[in-house]
Structures are given as structure tokens and as C-alpha cells.
Amino acid sequence: MSRILVVEDNEDLAFGLRAVFSFEGYEVDLALDGERALEMSRARPPDLLVLDLMLPGKSGFEVLRELRKAGQDFPVLVLTARSQETDVVLGFDLGADDYVVKPFSTAELLARVRALLRRLRRGSPTTADPVWKRFGDVEVCRATRTVRRRGWPVELTPKEFDLLVALLDRKGAVATRRELLKEVWGYAYADIHTRTVDVHMAELRRKLEENPSKPVHLLTVRKTGYRLQP
């Protein structure tokens, strides 16, 4: 049985989420503030953390930063009432795996949770092949999950790296958003409305393109998805 730690200071929502997850067969723990979330995560790491960003005292951003700094690598699904892209990007930079903007539907939330837990059980694909793949001035090594630009290391989040590899493997072919959601995030079905792919692509461009506003490698295919131009 997978165990979920819900961190939410709104008690009505917290207890509601516990009821929903328990009904689905998950073991659920609750924390109503950031300090308690850190204590519980350190004492007994969950299989999945559902984390509200706006918490009293220690914010969700601080909780996420401290957990990742301590080497806690369980998946984190962020809940936020803020729809601003900067908050979402910061969450991803700190190590979040996905996000849901309040108000959200129970069906979509559960789909996101199942996807993250499936990916945890399956594990990230690896290979012993040490070969570097190159596009422009960027080099990518799948075996070591390392990226360099002009010889300098570039730090990508796990999902950013997986997304980059998914595009590299297509050798210039188009990847639809649905395909990427299934391949990188593990969604079993694609009827989920999320800008997760777009936000991650924006971050990849910021880190790997000379001019992120006019990319020459990480290209948008209008009304379809993305492709990587070598």
C-alpha cells in the first residue's frame, strides 16, 4: 500500500483529501504546517508528498528545498492557489514533480497521484551506454544524467532531463503533449488539462538556448507539441 503525506493548512481541505485518498486505498498522513511536514518526512519518508505552497511559518517552497537538500527523493505533487508561472517554475526548480492549481477536480488530482506513484514503482529508465549525444553546443549523457553546454555543466531537474531525452530519442520527429505526458510523467490517459509540459519546455529553453524567446533547437510545433532540431 502506497503512503501519501498531505501537507495542507486548510483543515477542511486536508481532511477531505485524506478521505479521498483513503477511499482509493492509500495510507494517508496529515501535516498542517511546514515544520510538522519536515519532521514527519524525515522520520518516515512517504511514497508521495502532496504539498501546499502557502503554509504558515515555513512555506511549501522552504519545505521542498530542505527535503531535496537532505537527499529526500520521493515524488512531490504541489498544490497551489497561485496560477502565476513564476511560482510553478520555482517549485520545479526546487524539485517538484508536478503541480495542480486550486480549485482542482478530484478525478484529475487522483490521476496525477497515480501517475507519479506508477513512475516511482517503475523507476527511471537507465542505460550503461556512456555515449554523449549532441545538439548545437549542448551535450547529453543518458548514463550519468549529465548535461553540458559549451563544456560547462547545466543543472536540470529530473523531469527536465527526462523531457529532453524523450525529445532527443525522436531524432527531430514531433512529440505531442499527450505523448510527453504519458512518457515523461506516466499519465495513463491524456484527458488532463495541464501546462506541465509547456512550463518544463520554457525552463529547458532558458537553460539551453542562446535566446530562449527565439529557440533554434527546442521548437514548438503549433497546435501539436514539440520537437528537437539537432
C-alpha atoms as a PDB file:
ATOM      1  CA  MET A   1       0.000   0.000   0.000  1.00  0.00           C
ATOM      2  CA  SER A   2       1.428   3.381  -1.009  1.00  0.00           C
ATOM      3  CA  ARG A   3       1.600   6.041   1.669  1.00  0.00           C
ATOM      4  CA  ILE A   4       0.824   9.696   0.983  1.00  0.00           C
ATOM      5  CA  LEU A   5       1.726  12.622   3.210  1.00  0.00           C
ATOM      6  CA  VAL A   6      -0.676  15.540   2.694  1.00  0.00           C
ATOM      7  CA  VAL A   7       0.625  18.935   3.809  1.00  0.00           C
ATOM      8  CA  GLU A   8      -2.207  21.483   3.849  1.00  0.00           C
ATOM      9  CA  ASP A   9      -3.075  24.139   6.440  1.00  0.00           C
ATOM     10  CA  ASN A  10      -6.752  24.349   5.445  1.00  0.00           C
ATOM     11  CA  GLU A  11      -8.167  21.696   7.742  1.00  0.00           C
ATOM     12  CA  ASP A  12     -11.347  21.150   5.732  1.00  0.00           C
ATOM     13  CA  LEU A  13      -9.325  20.522   2.560  1.00  0.00           C
ATOM     14  CA  ALA A  14      -6.730  18.439   4.398  1.00  0.00           C
ATOM     15  CA  PHE A  15      -9.306  16.101   5.921  1.00  0.00           C
ATOM     16  CA  GLY A  16     -11.179  15.996   2.621  1.00  0.00           C
ATOM     17  CA  LEU A  17      -8.024  14.896   0.796  1.00  0.00           C
ATOM     18  CA  ARG A  18      -7.363  12.276   3.433  1.00  0.00           C
ATOM     19  CA  ALA A  19     -10.855  10.883   2.924  1.00  0.00           C
ATOM     20  CA  VAL A  20     -10.440  10.817  -0.873  1.00  0.00           C
ATOM     21  CA  PHE A  21      -7.035   9.125  -0.796  1.00  0.00           C
ATOM     22  CA  SER A  22      -8.091   6.658   1.912  1.00  0.00           C
ATOM     23  CA  PHE A  23     -11.129   5.668  -0.145  1.00  0.00           C
ATOM     24  CA  GLU A  24      -8.760   4.899  -3.039  1.00  0.00           C
ATOM     25  CA  GLY A  25      -6.778   2.535  -0.821  1.00  0.00           C
ATOM     26  CA  TYR A  26      -3.824   4.713   0.131  1.00  0.00           C
ATOM     27  CA  GLU A  27      -2.416   5.102   3.614  1.00  0.00           C
ATOM     28  CA  VAL A  28      -2.565   8.824   4.443  1.00  0.00           C
ATOM     29  CA  ASP A  29      -0.745  11.034   6.953  1.00  0.00           C
ATOM     30  CA  LEU A  30      -1.542  14.712   7.519  1.00  0.00           C
ATOM     31  CA  ALA A  31       0.605  17.711   8.412  1.00  0.00           C
ATOM     32  CA  LEU A  32      -0.941  21.146   8.868  1.00  0.00           C
ATOM     33  CA  ASP A  33       2.268  23.186   8.687  1.00  0.00           C
ATOM     34  CA  GLY A  34       5.740  23.093   7.183  1.00  0.00           C
ATOM     35  CA  GLU A  35       7.680  22.230  10.324  1.00  0.00           C
ATOM     36  CA  ARG A  36       5.488  19.209  11.015  1.00  0.00           C
ATOM     37  CA  ALA A  37       5.809  18.143   7.382  1.00  0.00           C
ATOM     38  CA  LEU A  38       9.600  18.121   7.659  1.00  0.00           C
ATOM     39  CA  GLU A  39       9.512  16.176  10.922  1.00  0.00           C
ATOM     40  CA  MET A  40       7.199  13.519   9.506  1.00  0.00           C
ATOM     41  CA  SER A  41       9.089  13.233   6.209  1.00  0.00           C
ATOM     42  CA  ARG A  42      12.391  12.730   7.973  1.00  0.00           C
ATOM     43  CA  ALA A  43      11.022  10.238  10.489  1.00  0.00           C
ATOM     44  CA  ARG A  44       9.117   8.188   7.916  1.00  0.00           C
ATOM     45  CA  PRO A  45       9.553   9.235   4.268  1.00  0.00           C
ATOM     46  CA  PRO A  46       6.296   8.871   2.322  1.00  0.00           C
ATOM     47  CA  ASP A  47       5.897   7.354  -1.126  1.00  0.00           C
ATOM     48  CA  LEU A  48       4.392  10.654  -2.281  1.00  0.00           C
ATOM     49  CA  LEU A  49       4.188  14.141  -0.804  1.00  0.00           C
ATOM     50  CA  VAL A  50       1.172  16.319  -1.654  1.00  0.00           C
ATOM     51  CA  LEU A  51       2.374  19.773  -0.666  1.00  0.00           C
ATOM     52  CA  ASP A  52       0.531  23.083  -0.429  1.00  0.00           C
ATOM     53  CA  LEU A  53       2.816  26.036  -1.176  1.00  0.00           C
ATOM     54  CA  MET A  54       1.137  28.629   1.048  1.00  0.00           C
ATOM     55  CA  LEU A  55       1.710  27.355   4.578  1.00  0.00           C
ATOM     56  CA  PRO A  56       2.013  29.241   7.875  1.00  0.00           C
ATOM     57  CA  GLY A  57       5.545  29.640   9.183  1.00  0.00           C
ATOM     58  CA  LYS A  58       7.713  27.562   6.871  1.00  0.00           C
ATOM     59  CA  SER A  59       6.351  27.747   3.324  1.00  0.00           C
ATOM     60  CA  GLY A  60       5.970  24.861   0.919  1.00  0.00           C
ATOM     61  CA  PHE A  61       8.928  26.221  -1.051  1.00  0.00           C
ATOM     62  CA  GLU A  62      11.111  26.019   2.050  1.00  0.00           C
ATOM     63  CA  VAL A  63       9.878  22.520   2.862  1.00  0.00           C
ATOM     64  CA  LEU A  64      10.665  21.342  -0.660  1.00  0.00           C
ATOM     65  CA  ARG A  65      14.103  22.969  -0.644  1.00  0.00           C
ATOM     66  CA  GLU A  66      15.084  21.385   2.671  1.00  0.00           C
ATOM     67  CA  LEU A  67      13.827  17.933   1.714  1.00  0.00           C
ATOM     68  CA  ARG A  68      15.722  17.882  -1.584  1.00  0.00           C
ATOM     69  CA  LYS A  69      18.835  19.309   0.068  1.00  0.00           C
ATOM     70  CA  ALA A  70      18.683  16.432   2.565  1.00  0.00           C
ATOM     71  CA  GLY A  71      18.514  13.897  -0.276  1.00  0.00           C
ATOM     72  CA  GLN A  72      14.833  13.004   0.056  1.00  0.00           C
ATOM     73  CA  ASP A  73      13.876  11.996  -3.493  1.00  0.00           C
ATOM     74  CA  PHE A  74      10.261  10.824  -3.188  1.00  0.00           C
ATOM     75  CA  PRO A  75       7.896  12.461  -5.717  1.00  0.00           C
ATOM     76  CA  VAL A  76       6.245  15.744  -4.762  1.00  0.00           C
ATOM     77  CA  LEU A  77       2.935  16.993  -6.126  1.00  0.00           C
ATOM     78  CA  VAL A  78       2.479  20.702  -5.424  1.00  0.00           C
ATOM     79  CA  LEU A  79      -0.916  22.245  -4.650  1.00  0.00           C
ATOM     80  CA  THR A  80      -1.126  25.960  -5.191  1.00  0.00           C
ATOM     81  CA  ALA A  81      -3.801  28.605  -5.297  1.00  0.00           C
ATOM     82  CA  ARG A  82      -1.373  30.712  -7.267  1.00  0.00           C
ATOM     83  CA  SER A  83      -1.559  30.334 -11.025  1.00  0.00           C
ATOM     84  CA  GLN A  84       1.439  32.563 -11.737  1.00  0.00           C
ATOM     85  CA  GLU A  85       4.013  30.736 -13.822  1.00  0.00           C
ATOM     86  CA  THR A  86       6.884  32.013 -11.675  1.00  0.00           C
ATOM     87  CA  ASP A  87       5.614  30.057  -8.659  1.00  0.00           C
ATOM     88  CA  VAL A  88       5.271  26.894 -10.721  1.00  0.00           C
ATOM     89  CA  VAL A  89       8.749  27.303 -12.188  1.00  0.00           C
ATOM     90  CA  LEU A  90      10.264  27.868  -8.744  1.00  0.00           C
ATOM     91  CA  GLY A  91       8.556  24.717  -7.493  1.00  0.00           C
ATOM     92  CA  PHE A  92      10.017  22.705 -10.360  1.00  0.00           C
ATOM     93  CA  ASP A  93      13.461  24.217  -9.825  1.00  0.00           C
ATOM     94  CA  LEU A  94      13.321  23.139  -6.186  1.00  0.00           C
ATOM     95  CA  GLY A  95      12.462  19.563  -7.172  1.00  0.00           C
ATOM     96  CA  ALA A  96       8.686  19.286  -7.507  1.00  0.00           C
ATOM     97  CA  ASP A  97       7.485  16.614  -9.937  1.00  0.00           C
ATOM     98  CA  ASP A  98       4.063  18.004 -10.855  1.00  0.00           C
ATOM     99  CA  TYR A  99       1.539  20.612  -9.759  1.00  0.00           C
ATOM    100  CA  VAL A 100      -2.196  21.183  -9.505  1.00  0.00           C
ATOM    101  CA  VAL A 101      -3.770  24.640  -9.278  1.00  0.00           C
ATOM    102  CA  LYS A 102      -6.672  25.106  -6.859  1.00  0.00           C
ATOM    103  CA  PRO A 103      -9.543  24.607  -7.326  1.00  0.00           C
ATOM    104  CA  PHE A 104      -8.970  21.192  -8.867  1.00  0.00           C
ATOM    105  CA  SER A 105     -11.153  18.205  -9.656  1.00  0.00           C
ATOM    106  CA  THR A 106     -10.800  15.065  -7.575  1.00  0.00           C
ATOM    107  CA  ALA A 107     -10.520  12.952 -10.721  1.00  0.00           C
ATOM    108  CA  GLU A 108      -7.603  14.974 -12.064  1.00  0.00           C
ATOM    109  CA  LEU A 109      -5.812  15.019  -8.722  1.00  0.00           C
ATOM    110  CA  LEU A 110      -6.109  11.239  -8.412  1.00  0.00           C
ATOM    111  CA  ALA A 111      -4.846  10.799 -11.972  1.00  0.00           C
ATOM    112  CA  ARG A 112      -1.766  12.851 -11.167  1.00  0.00           C
ATOM    113  CA  VAL A 113      -1.165  10.870  -7.972  1.00  0.00           C
ATOM    114  CA  ARG A 114      -1.479   7.515  -9.755  1.00  0.00           C
ATOM    115  CA  ALA A 115       0.904   8.666 -12.482  1.00  0.00           C
ATOM    116  CA  LEU A 116       3.594   9.711 -10.011  1.00  0.00           C
ATOM    117  CA  LEU A 117       3.294   6.507  -8.000  1.00  0.00           C
ATOM    118  CA  ARG A 118       3.430   4.355 -11.156  1.00  0.00           C
ATOM    119  CA  ARG A 119       6.609   6.091 -12.190  1.00  0.00           C
ATOM    120  CA  LEU A 120       8.073   5.536  -8.730  1.00  0.00           C
ATOM    121  CA  ARG A 121       7.381   1.786  -8.937  1.00  0.00           C
ATOM    122  CA  ARG A 122       8.670   1.549 -12.476  1.00  0.00           C
ATOM    123  CA  GLY A 123      11.780   3.603 -11.823  1.00  0.00           C
ATOM    124  CA  SER A 124      13.534   5.874 -14.262  1.00  0.00           C
ATOM    125  CA  PRO A 125      14.981   4.207 -17.352  1.00  0.00           C
ATOM    126  CA  THR A 126      18.745   3.937 -17.312  1.00  0.00           C
ATOM    127  CA  THR A 127      21.421   2.606 -19.579  1.00  0.00           C
ATOM    128  CA  ALA A 128      25.086   1.744 -19.262  1.00  0.00           C
ATOM    129  CA  ASP A 129      25.852   3.463 -22.558  1.00  0.00           C
ATOM    130  CA  PRO A 130      28.262   6.333 -21.783  1.00  0.00           C
ATOM    131  CA  VAL A 131      27.882   7.961 -25.211  1.00  0.00           C
ATOM    132  CA  TRP A 132      27.221  11.690 -25.336  1.00  0.00           C
ATOM    133  CA  LYS A 133      24.512  12.945 -27.686  1.00  0.00           C
ATOM    134  CA  ARG A 134      24.912  16.442 -29.038  1.00  0.00           C
ATOM    135  CA  PHE A 135      22.776  19.210 -30.480  1.00  0.00           C
ATOM    136  CA  GLY A 136      24.155  22.691 -31.054  1.00  0.00           C
ATOM    137  CA  ASP A 137      26.545  23.419 -28.190  1.00  0.00           C
ATOM    138  CA  VAL A 138      24.726  21.046 -25.805  1.00  0.00           C
ATOM    139  CA  GLU A 139      25.888  17.538 -24.878  1.00  0.00           C
ATOM    140  CA  VAL A 140      23.720  14.975 -23.080  1.00  0.00           C
ATOM    141  CA  CYS A 141      24.832  11.734 -21.400  1.00  0.00           C
ATOM    142  CA  ARG A 142      21.936   9.460 -20.515  1.00  0.00           C
ATOM    143  CA  ALA A 143      24.035   7.048 -18.423  1.00  0.00           C
ATOM    144  CA  THR A 144      25.154   9.725 -15.972  1.00  0.00           C
ATOM    145  CA  ARG A 145      22.126  12.006 -16.491  1.00  0.00           C
ATOM    146  CA  THR A 146      24.551  14.811 -17.220  1.00  0.00           C
ATOM    147  CA  VAL A 147      24.122  17.828 -19.481  1.00  0.00           C
ATOM    148  CA  ARG A 148      26.846  20.212 -20.615  1.00  0.00           C
ATOM    149  CA  ARG A 149      26.630  23.416 -22.621  1.00  0.00           C
ATOM    150  CA  ARG A 150      29.836  24.709 -24.156  1.00  0.00           C
ATOM    151  CA  GLY A 151      31.628  22.282 -21.882  1.00  0.00           C
ATOM    152  CA  TRP A 152      30.044  23.632 -18.702  1.00  0.00           C
ATOM    153  CA  PRO A 153      27.628  21.514 -16.629  1.00  0.00           C
ATOM    154  CA  VAL A 154      23.964  22.500 -16.704  1.00  0.00           C
ATOM    155  CA  GLU A 155      21.777  21.515 -13.773  1.00  0.00           C
ATOM    156  CA  LEU A 156      18.417  20.111 -14.864  1.00  0.00           C
ATOM    157  CA  THR A 157      15.639  18.787 -12.680  1.00  0.00           C
ATOM    158  CA  PRO A 158      14.829  15.061 -13.145  1.00  0.00           C
ATOM    159  CA  LYS A 159      11.731  15.819 -15.205  1.00  0.00           C
ATOM    160  CA  GLU A 160      13.566  18.375 -17.351  1.00  0.00           C
ATOM    161  CA  PHE A 161      16.200  15.753 -18.132  1.00  0.00           C
ATOM    162  CA  ASP A 162      13.600  13.078 -18.933  1.00  0.00           C
ATOM    163  CA  LEU A 163      11.774  15.504 -21.215  1.00  0.00           C
ATOM    164  CA  LEU A 164      14.992  16.407 -23.015  1.00  0.00           C
ATOM    165  CA  VAL A 165      15.861  12.731 -23.550  1.00  0.00           C
ATOM    166  CA  ALA A 166      12.347  11.994 -24.843  1.00  0.00           C
ATOM    167  CA  LEU A 167      12.822  14.680 -27.499  1.00  0.00           C
ATOM    168  CA  LEU A 168      16.367  13.562 -28.303  1.00  0.00           C
ATOM    169  CA  ASP A 169      15.240   9.981 -28.854  1.00  0.00           C
ATOM    170  CA  ARG A 170      12.796  11.110 -31.537  1.00  0.00           C
ATOM    171  CA  LYS A 171      15.675  12.434 -33.689  1.00  0.00           C
ATOM    172  CA  GLY A 172      13.809  15.507 -34.861  1.00  0.00           C
ATOM    173  CA  ALA A 173      10.336  13.974 -35.029  1.00  0.00           C
ATOM    174  CA  VAL A 174       7.434  15.748 -33.354  1.00  0.00           C
ATOM    175  CA  ALA A 175       6.314  14.697 -29.871  1.00  0.00           C
ATOM    176  CA  THR A 176       2.777  15.642 -28.953  1.00  0.00           C
ATOM    177  CA  ARG A 177       1.968  16.943 -25.499  1.00  0.00           C
ATOM    178  CA  ARG A 178      -0.107  13.819 -24.879  1.00  0.00           C
ATOM    179  CA  GLU A 179       2.830  11.573 -25.760  1.00  0.00           C
ATOM    180  CA  LEU A 180       5.145  13.504 -23.478  1.00  0.00           C
ATOM    181  CA  LEU A 181       2.677  13.465 -20.587  1.00  0.00           C
ATOM    182  CA  LYS A 182       2.442   9.684 -20.904  1.00  0.00           C
ATOM    183  CA  GLU A 183       6.149   9.032 -21.452  1.00  0.00           C
ATOM    184  CA  VAL A 184       7.724  11.501 -19.027  1.00  0.00           C
ATOM    185  CA  TRP A 185       5.021  11.891 -16.368  1.00  0.00           C
ATOM    186  CA  GLY A 186       3.428   8.455 -16.671  1.00  0.00           C
ATOM    187  CA  TYR A 187      -0.149   9.562 -17.231  1.00  0.00           C
ATOM    188  CA  ALA A 188      -2.265   6.565 -18.196  1.00  0.00           C
ATOM    189  CA  TYR A 189      -4.645   8.735 -20.179  1.00  0.00           C
ATOM    190  CA  ALA A 190      -4.321  12.165 -21.723  1.00  0.00           C
ATOM    191  CA  ASP A 191      -7.594  13.862 -20.813  1.00  0.00           C
ATOM    192  CA  ILE A 192      -5.788  16.016 -18.282  1.00  0.00           C
ATOM    193  CA  HIS A 193      -5.549  19.779 -18.644  1.00  0.00           C
ATOM    194  CA  THR A 194      -2.101  20.881 -17.513  1.00  0.00           C
ATOM    195  CA  ARG A 195       0.652  23.209 -18.656  1.00  0.00           C
ATOM    196  CA  THR A 196       3.306  20.997 -17.092  1.00  0.00           C
ATOM    197  CA  VAL A 197       4.959  20.195 -20.430  1.00  0.00           C
ATOM    198  CA  ASP A 198       4.951  23.833 -21.523  1.00  0.00           C
ATOM    199  CA  VAL A 199       6.459  25.046 -18.254  1.00  0.00           C
ATOM    200  CA  HIS A 200       9.240  22.468 -18.412  1.00  0.00           C
ATOM    201  CA  MET A 201       9.957  23.348 -22.034  1.00  0.00           C
ATOM    202  CA  ALA A 202      10.254  27.010 -21.098  1.00  0.00           C
ATOM    203  CA  GLU A 203      12.813  26.088 -18.451  1.00  0.00           C
ATOM    204  CA  LEU A 204      14.796  23.885 -20.856  1.00  0.00           C
ATOM    205  CA  ARG A 205      14.945  26.770 -23.312  1.00  0.00           C
ATOM    206  CA  ARG A 206      16.067  29.159 -20.590  1.00  0.00           C
ATOM    207  CA  LYS A 207      18.906  26.834 -19.637  1.00  0.00           C
ATOM    208  CA  LEU A 208      19.950  25.504 -23.053  1.00  0.00           C
ATOM    209  CA  GLU A 209      19.070  28.045 -25.752  1.00  0.00           C
ATOM    210  CA  GLU A 210      21.142  31.105 -26.612  1.00  0.00           C
ATOM    211  CA  ASN A 211      17.937  33.155 -26.930  1.00  0.00           C
ATOM    212  CA  PRO A 212      15.042  31.400 -25.140  1.00  0.00           C
ATOM    213  CA  SER A 213      12.476  33.672 -26.808  1.00  0.00           C
ATOM    214  CA  LYS A 214      13.755  32.602 -30.248  1.00  0.00           C
ATOM    215  CA  PRO A 215      14.819  28.954 -29.828  1.00  0.00           C
ATOM    216  CA  VAL A 216      16.678  27.204 -32.625  1.00  0.00           C
ATOM    217  CA  HIS A 217      16.728  23.679 -31.144  1.00  0.00           C
ATOM    218  CA  LEU A 218      13.775  23.220 -28.763  1.00  0.00           C
ATOM    219  CA  LEU A 219      10.990  24.081 -31.157  1.00  0.00           C
ATOM    220  CA  THR A 220       7.226  24.410 -30.793  1.00  0.00           C
ATOM    221  CA  VAL A 221       5.049  22.698 -33.381  1.00  0.00           C
ATOM    222  CA  ARG A 222       1.880  24.766 -33.394  1.00  0.00           C
ATOM    223  CA  LYS A 223      -1.228  23.039 -32.014  1.00  0.00           C
ATOM    224  CA  THR A 224       0.711  19.765 -31.715  1.00  0.00           C
ATOM    225  CA  GLY A 225       3.694  19.669 -29.389  1.00  0.00           C
ATOM    226  CA  TYR A 226       7.462  19.989 -29.600  1.00  0.00           C
ATOM    227  CA  ARG A 227      10.496  18.696 -31.438  1.00  0.00           C
ATOM    228  CA  LEU A 228      14.233  18.970 -31.049  1.00  0.00           C
ATOM    229  CA  GLN A 229      16.177  20.303 -34.018  1.00  0.00           C
ATOM    230  CA  PRO A 230      19.776  18.950 -33.885  1.00  0.00           C
END
